[in-house]
Amino acid sequence: MKHLILLRHGQSEWNLENRFTGWTDVELSKQGMSEAEKAGELIARSGILPKYCFTSYLRRAIHTLNIALGAMDRDWVPVVKDWHLNERHYGALQGLNKAETAKKFGDEQVHVWRRSYDVAPPALEAGDERFPGADVRYAGLAMGSLPLTESLADTVVRVRPCWEELIVPALGLYGDVMIAAHGNSLRALVMMLKGMTPEQIVSEEIPTGVPRVLTLSDRLEVIDDVYL
């Protein structure tokens, strides 16, 4: 058996401010830091300790992982950072207050952008300062690889290579692997692992800072799925 520990980052400053975040690199709030520490303590008490870890390029996920590993006394565990695990890109909505956006466009339209499977929010212009092509951490990537907006379906396509090429081999070598990432990139992984339909995944919620442990067979079939 193998274990895959999924951990959505703790509350971020923009979660607290009710803003669309996406690829914007915001820090954890004080509550988020506390959630990350508590998550590490829960994992330690479970006895299912990660031997290898993955996270995104965004500091709210990176810092969540660092804090949780510190609480487990496992700061030494190898960590791979991969941009494919970034949050879904919210396009031109990034930085906007969710309540104000609902007033401007209507609750129904915002609900479609947030919760549909294959409808993306309005796209950024390539010259927008929020476009990730201007960020040094993505400098080595082809411009066509970087999103101007994404649906959840787009996020699934983006996450899949990381799963197949990096995470699956790590599970084979180490057995117990942890991924600290984001609500939508983790939903993409859950969808792939559990064979969920688009209708099923849109109602799947992953709370901040609560470790989720998937017990897998040697063929990576899900045997058990629990929150600690």
C-alpha atoms as a PDB file:
ATOM      1  CA  MET A   1       0.000   0.000   0.000  1.00  0.00           C
ATOM      2  CA  LYS A   2       0.974   3.598  -0.597  1.00  0.00           C
ATOM      3  CA  HIS A   3      -0.256   6.871   0.873  1.00  0.00           C
ATOM      4  CA  LEU A   4      -0.806  10.188  -0.874  1.00  0.00           C
ATOM      5  CA  ILE A   5      -1.266  13.091   1.546  1.00  0.00           C
ATOM      6  CA  LEU A   6      -3.024  16.087  -0.015  1.00  0.00           C
ATOM      7  CA  LEU A   7      -2.902  19.430   1.791  1.00  0.00           C
ATOM      8  CA  ARG A   8      -4.485  22.604   0.511  1.00  0.00           C
ATOM      9  CA  HIS A   9      -2.544  25.626   1.698  1.00  0.00           C
ATOM     10  CA  GLY A  10      -3.719  27.397   4.812  1.00  0.00           C
ATOM     11  CA  GLN A  11      -5.848  30.529   4.593  1.00  0.00           C
ATOM     12  CA  SER A  12      -4.096  33.195   2.520  1.00  0.00           C
ATOM     13  CA  GLU A  13      -4.300  36.961   2.889  1.00  0.00           C
ATOM     14  CA  TRP A  14      -6.548  37.117  -0.174  1.00  0.00           C
ATOM     15  CA  ASN A  15      -8.760  34.280   1.091  1.00  0.00           C
ATOM     16  CA  LEU A  16      -9.265  36.507   4.111  1.00  0.00           C
ATOM     17  CA  GLU A  17     -10.053  39.501   1.889  1.00  0.00           C
ATOM     18  CA  ASN A  18     -12.420  37.407  -0.305  1.00  0.00           C
ATOM     19  CA  ARG A  19     -10.439  38.109  -3.475  1.00  0.00           C
ATOM     20  CA  PHE A  20      -9.807  35.921  -6.530  1.00  0.00           C
ATOM     21  CA  THR A  21      -6.204  34.789  -6.169  1.00  0.00           C
ATOM     22  CA  GLY A  22      -5.233  32.282  -8.855  1.00  0.00           C
ATOM     23  CA  TRP A  23      -1.532  32.622  -9.717  1.00  0.00           C
ATOM     24  CA  THR A  24      -1.089  35.822  -7.674  1.00  0.00           C
ATOM     25  CA  ASP A  25       1.653  35.072  -5.149  1.00  0.00           C
ATOM     26  CA  VAL A  26       0.142  36.114  -1.836  1.00  0.00           C
ATOM     27  CA  GLU A  27       1.281  35.113   1.637  1.00  0.00           C
ATOM     28  CA  LEU A  28      -0.501  33.062   4.277  1.00  0.00           C
ATOM     29  CA  SER A  29      -2.553  34.889   6.870  1.00  0.00           C
ATOM     30  CA  LYS A  30      -1.806  34.306  10.558  1.00  0.00           C
ATOM     31  CA  GLN A  31      -4.706  31.853  10.605  1.00  0.00           C
ATOM     32  CA  GLY A  32      -3.220  30.108   7.556  1.00  0.00           C
ATOM     33  CA  MET A  33       0.112  29.653   9.321  1.00  0.00           C
ATOM     34  CA  SER A  34      -1.701  28.193  12.318  1.00  0.00           C
ATOM     35  CA  GLU A  35      -3.664  25.851  10.022  1.00  0.00           C
ATOM     36  CA  ALA A  36      -0.424  24.639   8.428  1.00  0.00           C
ATOM     37  CA  GLU A  37       1.144  23.901  11.811  1.00  0.00           C
ATOM     38  CA  LYS A  38      -1.938  22.048  13.009  1.00  0.00           C
ATOM     39  CA  ALA A  39      -1.962  20.041   9.753  1.00  0.00           C
ATOM     40  CA  GLY A  40       1.607  18.945  10.385  1.00  0.00           C
ATOM     41  CA  GLU A  41       0.735  17.888  13.910  1.00  0.00           C
ATOM     42  CA  LEU A  42      -2.236  15.857  12.654  1.00  0.00           C
ATOM     43  CA  ILE A  43      -0.084  14.095  10.065  1.00  0.00           C
ATOM     44  CA  ALA A  44       2.563  13.330  12.687  1.00  0.00           C
ATOM     45  CA  ARG A  45      -0.046  11.821  15.023  1.00  0.00           C
ATOM     46  CA  SER A  46      -1.448   9.694  12.183  1.00  0.00           C
ATOM     47  CA  GLY A  47       1.902   7.945  11.783  1.00  0.00           C
ATOM     48  CA  ILE A  48       1.705   8.303   7.982  1.00  0.00           C
ATOM     49  CA  LEU A  49       4.814  10.405   7.452  1.00  0.00           C
ATOM     50  CA  PRO A  50       5.803  11.669   3.995  1.00  0.00           C
ATOM     51  CA  LYS A  51       9.129  10.584   2.554  1.00  0.00           C
ATOM     52  CA  TYR A  52       8.922  12.863  -0.491  1.00  0.00           C
ATOM     53  CA  CYS A  53       6.945  16.041  -1.175  1.00  0.00           C
ATOM     54  CA  PHE A  54       5.639  18.208  -3.980  1.00  0.00           C
ATOM     55  CA  THR A  55       4.364  21.757  -4.022  1.00  0.00           C
ATOM     56  CA  SER A  56       3.660  24.577  -6.477  1.00  0.00           C
ATOM     57  CA  TYR A  57       5.627  27.736  -7.304  1.00  0.00           C
ATOM     58  CA  LEU A  58       3.355  29.843  -5.070  1.00  0.00           C
ATOM     59  CA  ARG A  59       4.471  30.845  -1.600  1.00  0.00           C
ATOM     60  CA  ARG A  60       1.192  30.121   0.180  1.00  0.00           C
ATOM     61  CA  ALA A  61       1.614  26.442  -0.738  1.00  0.00           C
ATOM     62  CA  ILE A  62       5.398  26.410  -0.240  1.00  0.00           C
ATOM     63  CA  HIS A  63       5.142  28.000   3.212  1.00  0.00           C
ATOM     64  CA  THR A  64       2.281  25.687   4.199  1.00  0.00           C
ATOM     65  CA  LEU A  65       4.480  22.701   3.342  1.00  0.00           C
ATOM     66  CA  ASN A  66       7.485  24.135   5.189  1.00  0.00           C
ATOM     67  CA  ILE A  67       5.473  24.831   8.340  1.00  0.00           C
ATOM     68  CA  ALA A  68       3.773  21.419   8.249  1.00  0.00           C
ATOM     69  CA  LEU A  69       7.082  19.586   7.752  1.00  0.00           C
ATOM     70  CA  GLY A  70       8.557  21.541  10.645  1.00  0.00           C
ATOM     71  CA  ALA A  71       5.684  20.466  12.881  1.00  0.00           C
ATOM     72  CA  MET A  72       6.413  16.860  11.854  1.00  0.00           C
ATOM     73  CA  ASP A  73      10.158  17.276  12.476  1.00  0.00           C
ATOM     74  CA  ARG A  74      10.684  16.302   8.830  1.00  0.00           C
ATOM     75  CA  ASP A  75      12.231  19.473   7.384  1.00  0.00           C
ATOM     76  CA  TRP A  76      14.822  17.262   5.667  1.00  0.00           C
ATOM     77  CA  VAL A  77      12.345  15.482   3.393  1.00  0.00           C
ATOM     78  CA  PRO A  78      13.055  16.162  -0.326  1.00  0.00           C
ATOM     79  CA  VAL A  79      10.697  18.671  -1.943  1.00  0.00           C
ATOM     80  CA  VAL A  80       9.999  19.211  -5.647  1.00  0.00           C
ATOM     81  CA  LYS A  81       8.392  22.483  -6.742  1.00  0.00           C
ATOM     82  CA  ASP A  82       6.427  22.303  -9.994  1.00  0.00           C
ATOM     83  CA  TRP A  83       4.430  25.098 -11.617  1.00  0.00           C
ATOM     84  CA  HIS A  84       1.966  22.527 -12.963  1.00  0.00           C
ATOM     85  CA  LEU A  85       0.615  22.339  -9.377  1.00  0.00           C
ATOM     86  CA  ASN A  86      -0.222  26.071  -9.273  1.00  0.00           C
ATOM     87  CA  GLU A  87      -3.771  27.145  -8.566  1.00  0.00           C
ATOM     88  CA  ARG A  88      -6.209  27.525 -11.446  1.00  0.00           C
ATOM     89  CA  HIS A  89      -5.565  30.828 -13.241  1.00  0.00           C
ATOM     90  CA  TYR A  90      -8.567  33.133 -12.796  1.00  0.00           C
ATOM     91  CA  GLY A  91      -7.684  35.432 -15.681  1.00  0.00           C
ATOM     92  CA  ALA A  92      -8.990  38.983 -15.492  1.00  0.00           C
ATOM     93  CA  LEU A  93     -10.763  38.196 -12.196  1.00  0.00           C
ATOM     94  CA  GLN A  94      -7.471  37.874 -10.298  1.00  0.00           C
ATOM     95  CA  GLY A  95      -7.268  40.461  -7.540  1.00  0.00           C
ATOM     96  CA  LEU A  96     -10.969  41.362  -7.687  1.00  0.00           C
ATOM     97  CA  ASN A  97     -13.201  41.113  -4.631  1.00  0.00           C
ATOM     98  CA  LYS A  98     -15.643  38.239  -5.131  1.00  0.00           C
ATOM     99  CA  ALA A  99     -18.664  40.052  -3.697  1.00  0.00           C
ATOM    100  CA  GLU A 100     -18.031  43.165  -5.798  1.00  0.00           C
ATOM    101  CA  THR A 101     -17.530  41.019  -8.898  1.00  0.00           C
ATOM    102  CA  ALA A 102     -20.892  39.337  -8.241  1.00  0.00           C
ATOM    103  CA  LYS A 103     -22.571  42.765  -8.017  1.00  0.00           C
ATOM    104  CA  LYS A 104     -21.005  43.804 -11.329  1.00  0.00           C
ATOM    105  CA  PHE A 105     -21.586  40.639 -13.381  1.00  0.00           C
ATOM    106  CA  GLY A 106     -24.365  38.936 -11.415  1.00  0.00           C
ATOM    107  CA  ASP A 107     -24.290  36.028  -9.000  1.00  0.00           C
ATOM    108  CA  GLU A 108     -25.187  33.501 -11.678  1.00  0.00           C
ATOM    109  CA  GLN A 109     -22.352  34.489 -14.023  1.00  0.00           C
ATOM    110  CA  VAL A 110     -19.755  34.470 -11.230  1.00  0.00           C
ATOM    111  CA  HIS A 111     -21.039  31.086 -10.069  1.00  0.00           C
ATOM    112  CA  VAL A 112     -20.521  29.740 -13.614  1.00  0.00           C
ATOM    113  CA  TRP A 113     -16.947  31.091 -13.713  1.00  0.00           C
ATOM    114  CA  ARG A 114     -16.136  29.646 -10.292  1.00  0.00           C
ATOM    115  CA  ARG A 115     -17.941  26.309 -10.294  1.00  0.00           C
ATOM    116  CA  SER A 116     -18.448  25.088 -13.845  1.00  0.00           C
ATOM    117  CA  TYR A 117     -16.053  22.475 -15.200  1.00  0.00           C
ATOM    118  CA  ASP A 118     -15.192  23.869 -18.617  1.00  0.00           C
ATOM    119  CA  VAL A 119     -16.063  27.596 -18.586  1.00  0.00           C
ATOM    120  CA  ALA A 120     -13.092  29.916 -18.002  1.00  0.00           C
ATOM    121  CA  PRO A 121     -13.289  33.488 -16.634  1.00  0.00           C
ATOM    122  CA  PRO A 122     -12.463  36.413 -18.946  1.00  0.00           C
ATOM    123  CA  ALA A 123      -8.853  36.168 -20.142  1.00  0.00           C
ATOM    124  CA  LEU A 124      -6.035  38.570 -19.365  1.00  0.00           C
ATOM    125  CA  GLU A 125      -4.414  40.554 -22.127  1.00  0.00           C
ATOM    126  CA  ALA A 126      -0.844  39.372 -22.735  1.00  0.00           C
ATOM    127  CA  GLY A 127       0.460  42.834 -21.746  1.00  0.00           C
ATOM    128  CA  ASP A 128      -1.372  42.782 -18.390  1.00  0.00           C
ATOM    129  CA  GLU A 129       0.983  43.025 -15.409  1.00  0.00           C
ATOM    130  CA  ARG A 130      -0.807  39.972 -13.975  1.00  0.00           C
ATOM    131  CA  PHE A 131       0.275  37.792 -16.923  1.00  0.00           C
ATOM    132  CA  PRO A 132       2.759  35.197 -15.579  1.00  0.00           C
ATOM    133  CA  GLY A 133       5.057  35.656 -18.591  1.00  0.00           C
ATOM    134  CA  ALA A 134       6.475  38.735 -16.834  1.00  0.00           C
ATOM    135  CA  ASP A 135       7.389  36.687 -13.725  1.00  0.00           C
ATOM    136  CA  VAL A 136      11.000  35.506 -13.468  1.00  0.00           C
ATOM    137  CA  ARG A 137       9.996  32.103 -12.094  1.00  0.00           C
ATOM    138  CA  TYR A 138       8.325  31.236 -15.426  1.00  0.00           C
ATOM    139  CA  ALA A 139      11.070  32.751 -17.609  1.00  0.00           C
ATOM    140  CA  GLY A 140      12.184  29.394 -18.985  1.00  0.00           C
ATOM    141  CA  LEU A 141       8.727  28.412 -20.220  1.00  0.00           C
ATOM    142  CA  ALA A 142       7.309  28.994 -23.668  1.00  0.00           C
ATOM    143  CA  MET A 143       4.730  31.774 -23.712  1.00  0.00           C
ATOM    144  CA  GLY A 144       2.174  29.350 -25.124  1.00  0.00           C
ATOM    145  CA  SER A 145       2.482  27.240 -21.979  1.00  0.00           C
ATOM    146  CA  LEU A 146       1.377  30.065 -19.687  1.00  0.00           C
ATOM    147  CA  PRO A 147      -2.352  30.663 -19.205  1.00  0.00           C
ATOM    148  CA  LEU A 148      -4.280  33.887 -19.677  1.00  0.00           C
ATOM    149  CA  THR A 149      -7.226  32.185 -17.940  1.00  0.00           C
ATOM    150  CA  GLU A 150      -8.240  28.613 -17.080  1.00  0.00           C
ATOM    151  CA  SER A 151     -11.283  26.476 -16.457  1.00  0.00           C
ATOM    152  CA  LEU A 152     -11.096  23.510 -14.109  1.00  0.00           C
ATOM    153  CA  ALA A 153     -10.854  21.308 -17.225  1.00  0.00           C
ATOM    154  CA  ASP A 154      -7.769  23.273 -18.301  1.00  0.00           C
ATOM    155  CA  THR A 155      -6.284  22.796 -14.830  1.00  0.00           C
ATOM    156  CA  VAL A 156      -6.780  19.020 -15.067  1.00  0.00           C
ATOM    157  CA  VAL A 157      -4.893  18.993 -18.380  1.00  0.00           C
ATOM    158  CA  ARG A 158      -2.075  21.045 -16.832  1.00  0.00           C
ATOM    159  CA  VAL A 159      -1.748  18.901 -13.696  1.00  0.00           C
ATOM    160  CA  ARG A 160      -1.787  15.541 -15.485  1.00  0.00           C
ATOM    161  CA  PRO A 161       1.870  15.598 -16.702  1.00  0.00           C
ATOM    162  CA  CYS A 162       3.075  16.302 -13.166  1.00  0.00           C
ATOM    163  CA  TRP A 163       1.043  13.367 -11.874  1.00  0.00           C
ATOM    164  CA  GLU A 164       2.178  10.937 -14.557  1.00  0.00           C
ATOM    165  CA  GLU A 165       5.819  11.994 -14.892  1.00  0.00           C
ATOM    166  CA  LEU A 166       6.776  13.008 -11.341  1.00  0.00           C
ATOM    167  CA  ILE A 167       4.292  11.961  -8.663  1.00  0.00           C
ATOM    168  CA  VAL A 168       3.621   8.403  -9.865  1.00  0.00           C
ATOM    169  CA  PRO A 169       7.355   7.533  -9.959  1.00  0.00           C
ATOM    170  CA  ALA A 170       7.820   9.086  -6.498  1.00  0.00           C
ATOM    171  CA  LEU A 171       5.013   6.927  -5.100  1.00  0.00           C
ATOM    172  CA  GLY A 172       6.738   3.891  -6.589  1.00  0.00           C
ATOM    173  CA  LEU A 173      10.051   4.769  -4.951  1.00  0.00           C
ATOM    174  CA  TYR A 174       8.966   6.226  -1.613  1.00  0.00           C
ATOM    175  CA  GLY A 175       5.474   4.897  -0.906  1.00  0.00           C
ATOM    176  CA  ASP A 176       4.284   7.850   1.191  1.00  0.00           C
ATOM    177  CA  VAL A 177       4.165  11.164  -0.681  1.00  0.00           C
ATOM    178  CA  MET A 178       2.726  14.553   0.291  1.00  0.00           C
ATOM    179  CA  ILE A 179       1.453  17.306  -2.013  1.00  0.00           C
ATOM    180  CA  ALA A 180       0.858  20.808  -0.646  1.00  0.00           C
ATOM    181  CA  ALA A 181      -0.965  22.754  -3.325  1.00  0.00           C
ATOM    182  CA  HIS A 182      -4.248  24.532  -4.078  1.00  0.00           C
ATOM    183  CA  GLY A 183      -7.959  23.870  -4.139  1.00  0.00           C
ATOM    184  CA  ASN A 184      -8.257  23.371  -7.891  1.00  0.00           C
ATOM    185  CA  SER A 185      -4.955  21.615  -8.589  1.00  0.00           C
ATOM    186  CA  LEU A 186      -5.788  19.178  -5.797  1.00  0.00           C
ATOM    187  CA  ARG A 187      -9.317  18.716  -7.155  1.00  0.00           C
ATOM    188  CA  ALA A 188      -7.712  17.865 -10.504  1.00  0.00           C
ATOM    189  CA  LEU A 189      -5.623  15.160  -8.829  1.00  0.00           C
ATOM    190  CA  VAL A 190      -8.622  13.765  -6.941  1.00  0.00           C
ATOM    191  CA  MET A 191     -10.632  13.660 -10.173  1.00  0.00           C
ATOM    192  CA  MET A 192      -7.910  11.662 -11.926  1.00  0.00           C
ATOM    193  CA  LEU A 193      -7.307   9.286  -9.041  1.00  0.00           C
ATOM    194  CA  LYS A 194     -10.959   8.555  -8.312  1.00  0.00           C
ATOM    195  CA  GLY A 195     -12.219   8.582 -11.890  1.00  0.00           C
ATOM    196  CA  MET A 196     -14.751  11.310 -11.113  1.00  0.00           C
ATOM    197  CA  THR A 197     -16.981  12.847 -13.760  1.00  0.00           C
ATOM    198  CA  PRO A 198     -17.127  16.605 -14.443  1.00  0.00           C
ATOM    199  CA  GLU A 199     -20.496  16.663 -12.673  1.00  0.00           C
ATOM    200  CA  GLN A 200     -19.003  15.016  -9.581  1.00  0.00           C
ATOM    201  CA  ILE A 201     -15.864  17.138  -9.356  1.00  0.00           C
ATOM    202  CA  VAL A 202     -17.629  20.518  -9.521  1.00  0.00           C
ATOM    203  CA  SER A 203     -19.239  19.813  -6.140  1.00  0.00           C
ATOM    204  CA  GLU A 204     -15.989  18.545  -4.569  1.00  0.00           C
ATOM    205  CA  GLU A 205     -14.706  20.949  -1.912  1.00  0.00           C
ATOM    206  CA  ILE A 206     -11.238  20.778  -0.364  1.00  0.00           C
ATOM    207  CA  PRO A 207     -10.892  22.862   2.818  1.00  0.00           C
ATOM    208  CA  THR A 208      -7.770  24.866   3.640  1.00  0.00           C
ATOM    209  CA  GLY A 209      -5.253  23.329   5.998  1.00  0.00           C
ATOM    210  CA  VAL A 210      -6.904  19.930   6.524  1.00  0.00           C
ATOM    211  CA  PRO A 211      -4.766  16.912   5.523  1.00  0.00           C
ATOM    212  CA  ARG A 212      -6.467  14.383   3.255  1.00  0.00           C
ATOM    213  CA  VAL A 213      -4.936  10.903   3.082  1.00  0.00           C
ATOM    214  CA  LEU A 214      -5.596   8.652   0.111  1.00  0.00           C
ATOM    215  CA  THR A 215      -4.551   5.042   0.651  1.00  0.00           C
ATOM    216  CA  LEU A 216      -3.558   3.518  -2.679  1.00  0.00           C
ATOM    217  CA  SER A 217      -2.977   0.000  -3.918  1.00  0.00           C
ATOM    218  CA  ASP A 218       0.240  -0.851  -5.737  1.00  0.00           C
ATOM    219  CA  ARG A 219      -1.720  -0.160  -8.942  1.00  0.00           C
ATOM    220  CA  LEU A 220      -2.605   3.293  -7.519  1.00  0.00           C
ATOM    221  CA  GLU A 221      -6.270   2.470  -7.073  1.00  0.00           C
ATOM    222  CA  VAL A 222      -7.895   4.367  -4.182  1.00  0.00           C
ATOM    223  CA  ILE A 223      -8.589   2.011  -1.273  1.00  0.00           C
ATOM    224  CA  ASP A 224      -9.448   4.664   1.310  1.00  0.00           C
ATOM    225  CA  ASP A 225      -9.916   8.437   1.348  1.00  0.00           C
ATOM    226  CA  VAL A 226     -10.108  10.284   4.686  1.00  0.00           C
ATOM    227  CA  TYR A 227      -9.501  13.692   6.196  1.00  0.00           C
ATOM    228  CA  LEU A 228      -7.413  13.712   9.369  1.00  0.00           C
END
